[in-house]
């Protein structure tokens, strides 16, 4: 070869990428055994030796945290839920106060983001934000934690490996929203949002909805629940679905403000008034909730406290300190859409 062999030479001979060679020679379990053995054999044949000094430098703290936004499950895959954007400022400030830089990345939930950030040492820890299908990325999350990567996620407290989830009191917020509608005299309350384990936060809001109905002695009618992802189009489609099925209702609790705003658009198109015909409550208190006509009653999550809690929890994990997960409180913000 006439020069000292490099990991790029090994990658070319093995037919793999250079990062795969680096992972294999570090003994990473993310590389399958057959590939690792092939890479190790080529390295031996080239008398390749890992630069221990460079490896040591790479293993030191990057003094950087990574924030990964996951794409929303919508046709426009550049969409980021407004609630998560509202957390960005507090996350940035919390990192700065702790002396850390923040690396922000937009990721596809179906991609290999977990391998990239596990092995590249780009950051000391990762914050995950997004309403994506939890079941679709749970295996990747488990893989990261098993390999010792420091991760925290925004979600339903109690889901995922212990101590890595920061979230709000979704169930309590759902109960408060539904109880408010009941107090306004509404009895046929539709729930728009996923009600299964794929979206644990929305499922908890649905459980709170059921809690309020049962506490008031009202029947939980499955026909009033419509699956909807957290987009305006999904909210409009959900209202159309209720109409096609001939389901009667006088109120809606939407699992997110985006769903609620879409539902309001669908009701307007159908000639139904808000809150006269249908009272509506959302969840998240995004900026546009105050700008709808009428303004949207919603459950607010404290974006500042949420961002600070995510950074504080991640830094505790980076330092191998004990971490306790407790849901952050939510609060009902009453505006005109619920008939108040």
Protein backbone atom coordinates (compact mmCIF):
# COMPACT_ATOMS: atom_id res chain seq x y z
CA UNK A 1 0.00 0.00 0.00
CA UNK A 2 3.05 2.24 0.54
CA UNK A 3 1.48 4.11 3.46
CA UNK A 4 -0.10 3.48 6.82
CA UNK A 5 -3.52 1.82 6.33
CA UNK A 6 -6.61 3.70 7.48
CA UNK A 7 -10.14 2.75 8.47
CA UNK A 8 -11.24 3.99 5.03
CA UNK A 9 -9.05 1.34 3.39
CA UNK A 10 -10.67 -1.33 5.55
CA UNK A 11 -14.13 0.02 4.70
CA UNK A 12 -13.40 -0.21 0.96
CA UNK A 13 -12.14 -3.77 1.22
CA UNK A 14 -15.00 -4.87 3.47
CA UNK A 15 -17.66 -3.16 1.38
CA UNK A 16 -19.01 -1.17 4.31
CA UNK A 17 -18.95 2.45 5.49
CA UNK A 18 -16.11 3.94 7.51
CA UNK A 19 -18.38 4.53 10.57
CA UNK A 20 -19.24 0.82 10.45
CA UNK A 21 -15.53 -0.02 10.57
CA UNK A 22 -15.08 2.28 13.58
CA UNK A 23 -18.00 0.69 15.38
CA UNK A 24 -16.79 -2.82 14.62
CA UNK A 25 -13.27 -2.17 15.86
CA UNK A 26 -14.69 -0.70 19.07
CA UNK A 27 -16.70 -3.88 19.58
CA UNK A 28 -20.06 -2.16 19.13
CA UNK A 29 -23.00 -4.57 19.22
CA UNK A 30 -24.73 -2.47 16.55
CA UNK A 31 -22.56 -4.31 13.98
CA UNK A 32 -23.59 -7.90 13.32
CA UNK A 33 -20.98 -10.54 14.32
CA UNK A 34 -20.25 -11.71 10.75
CA UNK A 35 -19.51 -8.18 9.55
CA UNK A 36 -17.40 -7.44 12.60
CA UNK A 37 -15.33 -10.60 12.12
CA UNK A 38 -14.75 -9.75 8.45
CA UNK A 39 -13.62 -6.23 9.34
CA UNK A 40 -11.33 -7.49 12.10
CA UNK A 41 -9.74 -10.02 9.74
CA UNK A 42 -9.04 -7.32 7.12
CA UNK A 43 -7.61 -5.03 9.82
CA UNK A 44 -5.23 -7.80 10.93
CA UNK A 45 -4.16 -8.51 7.37
CA UNK A 46 -3.28 -4.83 6.90
CA UNK A 47 -1.54 -4.68 10.29
CA UNK A 48 -3.96 -1.89 11.16
CA UNK A 49 -3.75 -0.57 14.73
CA UNK A 50 -6.33 1.68 16.35
CA UNK A 51 -4.91 5.09 17.27
CA UNK A 52 -5.49 4.92 21.02
CA UNK A 53 -4.74 8.63 21.51
CA UNK A 54 -7.34 9.63 18.95
CA UNK A 55 -9.79 7.13 20.37
CA UNK A 56 -9.27 8.59 23.83
CA UNK A 57 -9.91 12.09 22.55
CA UNK A 58 -13.11 10.94 20.89
CA UNK A 59 -14.31 9.31 24.09
CA UNK A 60 -14.01 12.52 26.08
CA UNK A 61 -17.02 14.71 26.74
CA UNK A 62 -18.25 16.61 23.70
CA UNK A 63 -19.79 19.23 26.02
CA UNK A 64 -22.78 19.13 23.65
CA UNK A 65 -26.32 17.83 23.92
CA UNK A 66 -28.32 16.77 20.86
CA UNK A 67 -31.98 17.65 20.35
CA UNK A 68 -33.70 15.42 17.81
CA UNK A 69 -37.03 16.55 16.39
CA UNK A 70 -38.97 13.70 14.83
CA UNK A 71 -41.09 14.31 11.76
CA UNK A 72 -44.82 14.58 12.34
CA UNK A 73 -46.91 11.74 10.83
CA UNK A 74 -48.31 13.92 8.03
CA UNK A 75 -48.00 14.35 4.27
CA UNK A 76 -45.71 17.33 4.81
CA UNK A 77 -42.81 15.61 6.55
CA UNK A 78 -41.18 18.95 7.35
CA UNK A 79 -43.83 19.71 9.96
CA UNK A 80 -42.87 20.05 13.62
CA UNK A 81 -45.62 20.23 16.21
CA UNK A 82 -45.87 23.84 17.48
CA UNK A 83 -45.82 22.69 21.11
CA UNK A 84 -42.37 21.18 20.67
CA UNK A 85 -41.13 24.34 18.98
CA UNK A 86 -42.32 26.29 22.03
CA UNK A 87 -39.96 24.19 24.18
CA UNK A 88 -36.91 25.04 22.09
CA UNK A 89 -36.14 28.35 23.81
CA UNK A 90 -36.14 26.89 27.32
CA UNK A 91 -34.04 23.91 26.23
CA UNK A 92 -31.49 26.25 24.63
CA UNK A 93 -31.32 28.48 27.71
CA UNK A 94 -31.02 25.52 30.08
CA UNK A 95 -28.13 24.11 28.03
CA UNK A 96 -26.36 27.48 28.02
CA UNK A 97 -26.72 27.86 31.78
CA UNK A 98 -25.17 24.41 32.23
CA UNK A 99 -22.27 25.27 29.89
CA UNK A 100 -23.37 22.95 27.07
CA UNK A 101 -23.83 23.59 23.37
CA UNK A 102 -27.01 22.32 21.72
CA UNK A 103 -27.00 20.42 18.44
CA UNK A 104 -30.44 20.44 16.78
CA UNK A 105 -31.37 17.84 14.17
CA UNK A 106 -34.54 16.94 12.27
CA UNK A 107 -34.93 13.18 11.91
CA UNK A 108 -37.18 10.66 10.25
CA UNK A 109 -38.59 8.30 12.86
CA UNK A 110 -37.94 5.35 10.55
CA UNK A 111 -34.28 6.22 9.98
CA UNK A 112 -31.09 5.00 11.67
CA UNK A 113 -30.72 8.05 13.91
CA UNK A 114 -30.05 5.79 16.89
CA UNK A 115 -26.94 4.28 15.31
CA UNK A 116 -25.63 7.63 14.11
CA UNK A 117 -25.79 9.31 17.51
CA UNK A 118 -24.74 6.26 19.48
CA UNK A 119 -21.45 5.81 17.69
CA UNK A 120 -20.48 9.21 16.31
CA UNK A 121 -19.92 10.80 19.75
CA UNK A 122 -21.48 13.97 18.42
CA UNK A 123 -23.10 14.62 21.78
CA UNK A 124 -22.95 13.50 25.39
CA UNK A 125 -26.68 12.87 25.47
CA UNK A 126 -29.84 13.05 23.37
CA UNK A 127 -33.24 14.68 23.87
CA UNK A 128 -36.03 13.23 21.71
CA UNK A 129 -39.10 15.28 20.82
CA UNK A 130 -42.04 14.18 18.69
CA UNK A 131 -45.50 12.64 18.71
CA UNK A 132 -44.43 9.74 16.49
CA UNK A 133 -45.68 6.18 16.83
CA UNK A 134 -43.96 4.98 20.03
CA UNK A 135 -44.15 1.32 19.02
CA UNK A 136 -42.28 2.17 15.81
CA UNK A 137 -39.17 3.42 17.60
CA UNK A 138 -39.33 1.64 20.95
CA UNK A 139 -36.77 -0.99 19.85
CA UNK A 140 -34.31 1.75 18.86
CA UNK A 141 -34.82 3.46 22.20
CA UNK A 142 -34.23 0.22 24.09
CA UNK A 143 -31.11 -0.41 22.01
CA UNK A 144 -29.66 2.99 22.88
CA UNK A 145 -30.20 2.60 26.61
CA UNK A 146 -28.80 -0.93 26.58
CA UNK A 147 -25.62 0.40 24.95
CA UNK A 148 -25.27 3.09 27.61
CA UNK A 149 -26.24 6.08 25.46
CA UNK A 150 -27.72 8.84 27.60
CA UNK A 151 -31.22 9.61 26.36
CA UNK A 152 -34.32 11.40 27.61
CA UNK A 153 -37.58 11.78 25.75
CA UNK A 154 -40.71 13.85 26.09
CA UNK A 155 -43.66 11.52 26.49
CA UNK A 156 -45.93 9.70 28.89
CA UNK A 157 -44.16 9.24 32.22
CA UNK A 158 -43.87 5.55 32.98
CA UNK A 159 -43.25 4.44 29.39
CA UNK A 160 -39.85 3.40 28.09
CA UNK A 161 -36.81 2.37 30.14
CA UNK A 162 -36.83 3.70 33.71
CA UNK A 163 -35.91 7.32 34.27
CA UNK A 164 -35.68 8.47 30.67
CA UNK A 165 -39.14 9.99 30.14
CA UNK A 166 -40.18 13.52 31.10
CA UNK A 167 -43.80 14.52 30.54
CA UNK A 168 -46.92 16.26 31.73
CA UNK A 169 -49.91 14.94 33.65
CA UNK A 170 -51.77 13.94 30.49
CA UNK A 171 -54.42 11.92 32.29
CA UNK A 172 -55.18 14.69 34.77
CA UNK A 173 -55.32 17.23 31.95
CA UNK A 174 -57.71 15.04 29.97
CA UNK A 175 -59.95 14.64 32.99
CA UNK A 176 -59.99 18.40 33.65
CA UNK A 177 -60.84 19.19 30.02
CA UNK A 178 -63.73 16.73 29.92
CA UNK A 179 -65.05 17.70 33.36
CA UNK A 180 -65.15 21.32 32.18
CA UNK A 181 -67.30 20.38 29.19
CA UNK A 182 -69.61 18.36 31.44
CA UNK A 183 -69.92 21.34 33.78
CA UNK A 184 -71.01 23.42 30.75
CA UNK A 185 -73.93 21.03 30.28
CA UNK A 186 -72.45 18.90 27.49
CA UNK A 187 -73.26 15.20 27.60
CA UNK A 188 -72.27 13.72 24.21
CA UNK A 189 -68.56 14.48 24.19
CA UNK A 190 -66.43 13.14 21.34
CA UNK A 191 -62.75 12.34 21.83
CA UNK A 192 -60.54 12.98 18.80
CA UNK A 193 -57.15 11.30 19.10
CA UNK A 194 -55.40 7.95 19.29
CA UNK A 195 -56.49 5.80 22.22
CA UNK A 196 -53.94 3.00 22.11
CA UNK A 197 -50.34 2.30 23.08
CA UNK A 198 -48.83 3.65 19.86
CA UNK A 199 -49.27 7.19 21.22
CA UNK A 200 -49.04 6.88 25.03
CA UNK A 201 -49.53 10.60 25.72
CA UNK A 202 -52.77 10.69 23.75
CA UNK A 203 -53.86 7.42 25.31
CA UNK A 204 -53.42 8.95 28.78
CA UNK A 205 -55.55 11.93 27.72
CA UNK A 206 -58.22 9.49 26.60
CA UNK A 207 -58.07 7.73 29.96
CA UNK A 208 -58.61 11.09 31.66
CA UNK A 209 -61.60 11.68 29.38
CA UNK A 210 -63.08 8.35 30.45
CA UNK A 211 -62.37 9.13 34.12
CA UNK A 212 -64.40 12.34 33.91
CA UNK A 213 -67.31 10.68 32.12
CA UNK A 214 -67.46 7.84 34.64
CA UNK A 215 -67.20 10.26 37.59
CA UNK A 216 -70.20 12.13 36.21
CA UNK A 217 -72.19 8.93 35.70
CA UNK A 218 -72.10 9.25 31.92
CA UNK A 219 -71.77 6.29 29.56
CA UNK A 220 -68.50 5.89 27.68
CA UNK A 221 -69.64 5.45 24.08
CA UNK A 222 -66.91 4.00 21.85
CA UNK A 223 -68.62 5.52 18.82
CA UNK A 224 -67.57 8.95 20.10
CA UNK A 225 -63.85 8.15 19.90
CA UNK A 226 -62.15 8.80 16.56
CA UNK A 227 -58.46 8.03 15.92
CA UNK A 228 -56.58 11.15 14.84
CA UNK A 229 -52.89 12.01 14.64
CA UNK A 230 -51.79 15.45 15.81
CA UNK A 231 -52.54 17.47 12.67
CA UNK A 232 -55.26 19.88 11.60
CA UNK A 233 -56.19 17.71 8.64
CA UNK A 234 -56.71 14.76 10.99
CA UNK A 235 -59.08 16.86 13.11
CA UNK A 236 -61.12 17.88 10.07
CA UNK A 237 -61.25 14.28 8.87
CA UNK A 238 -62.39 13.11 12.31
CA UNK A 239 -65.36 15.48 12.25
CA UNK A 240 -66.25 14.23 8.78
CA UNK A 241 -66.05 10.66 10.06
CA UNK A 242 -68.50 11.39 12.87
CA UNK A 243 -70.89 12.94 10.34
CA UNK A 244 -70.65 9.95 7.96
CA UNK A 245 -71.50 7.59 10.79
CA UNK A 246 -74.35 9.77 11.99
CA UNK A 247 -72.92 10.09 15.51
CA UNK A 248 -74.58 12.82 17.56
CA UNK A 249 -72.39 14.94 19.81
CA UNK A 250 -72.49 18.34 21.46
CA UNK A 251 -68.83 18.70 22.44
CA UNK A 252 -65.31 17.65 21.44
CA UNK A 253 -62.23 17.05 23.53
CA UNK A 254 -59.35 16.98 21.05
CA UNK A 255 -56.09 15.33 22.11
CA UNK A 256 -54.09 18.26 20.70
CA UNK A 257 -54.74 21.84 19.68
CA UNK A 258 -53.86 21.03 16.07
CA UNK A 259 -56.62 18.39 16.03
CA UNK A 260 -59.02 20.86 17.67
CA UNK A 261 -58.29 23.60 15.14
CA UNK A 262 -58.87 21.19 12.27
CA UNK A 263 -62.13 20.07 13.89
CA UNK A 264 -63.28 23.69 14.12
CA UNK A 265 -62.57 24.09 10.42
CA UNK A 266 -64.56 20.95 9.66
CA UNK A 267 -67.51 22.09 11.77
CA UNK A 268 -67.55 25.48 10.06
CA UNK A 269 -67.62 23.79 6.67
CA UNK A 270 -70.59 21.70 7.84
CA UNK A 271 -72.45 24.79 9.05
CA UNK A 272 -72.17 23.97 12.75
CA UNK A 273 -71.28 26.72 15.21
CA UNK A 274 -68.70 26.70 18.00
CA UNK A 275 -69.59 26.74 20.84
CA UNK A 276 -73.31 26.96 20.08
CA UNK A 277 -73.69 23.56 18.44
CA UNK A 278 -70.42 22.01 19.56
CA UNK A 279 -68.15 23.11 22.41
CA UNK A 280 -64.44 22.32 21.94
CA UNK A 281 -61.42 21.90 24.20
CA UNK A 282 -57.89 21.17 22.95
CA UNK A 283 -54.57 20.26 24.55
CA UNK A 284 -51.11 21.94 24.42
CA UNK A 285 -52.00 25.69 24.34
CA UNK A 286 -49.98 26.42 21.21
CA UNK A 287 -49.73 30.07 20.14
CA UNK A 288 -52.47 29.81 17.50
CA UNK A 289 -55.00 28.58 20.08
CA UNK A 290 -55.61 32.20 21.06
CA UNK A 291 -56.12 33.23 17.43
CA UNK A 292 -58.91 30.87 16.42
CA UNK A 293 -62.48 32.11 16.10
CA UNK A 294 -63.61 31.66 18.79
CA UNK A 295 -60.40 31.38 20.85
CA UNK A 296 -59.71 27.80 21.89
CA UNK A 297 -60.13 26.52 25.43
CA UNK A 298 -57.20 24.19 26.03
CA UNK A 299 -55.00 22.39 28.53
CA UNK A 300 -51.65 24.13 28.85
CA UNK A 301 -48.33 22.42 29.40
CA UNK A 302 -45.58 24.60 30.82
CA UNK A 303 -43.07 24.68 27.96
CA UNK A 304 -40.44 26.48 30.04
CA UNK A 305 -40.54 23.95 32.88
CA UNK A 306 -40.70 21.12 30.36
CA UNK A 307 -37.53 22.22 28.57
CA UNK A 308 -35.68 22.77 31.83
CA UNK A 309 -36.76 19.36 33.13
CA UNK A 310 -35.56 17.61 29.97
CA UNK A 311 -32.10 19.18 30.19
CA UNK A 312 -31.84 18.65 33.95
CA UNK A 313 -32.81 14.99 33.62
CA UNK A 314 -30.41 14.36 30.74
CA UNK A 315 -27.48 15.97 32.54
CA UNK A 316 -28.21 13.81 35.58
CA UNK A 317 -28.04 10.75 33.36
CA UNK A 318 -24.80 11.96 31.75
CA UNK A 319 -23.31 12.25 35.25
CA UNK A 320 -24.75 8.86 36.26
CA UNK A 321 -26.84 10.47 38.98
CA UNK A 322 -30.17 9.14 40.23
CA UNK A 323 -33.14 10.31 38.18
CA UNK A 324 -36.75 10.56 39.31
CA UNK A 325 -39.58 10.91 36.82
CA UNK A 326 -42.72 12.72 37.94
CA UNK A 327 -45.31 14.26 35.61
CA UNK A 328 -45.36 18.03 35.34
CA UNK A 329 -48.70 19.69 36.21
CA UNK A 330 -51.12 20.85 33.54
CA UNK A 331 -53.69 23.65 33.74
CA UNK A 332 -56.99 24.33 31.96
CA UNK A 333 -57.05 27.67 30.10
CA UNK A 334 -60.68 28.65 29.54
CA UNK A 335 -61.59 30.61 26.43
CA UNK A 336 -64.72 31.02 24.33
CA UNK A 337 -64.70 27.75 22.35
CA UNK A 338 -66.08 25.74 25.29
CA UNK A 339 -69.03 28.09 25.87
CA UNK A 340 -67.59 29.65 28.99
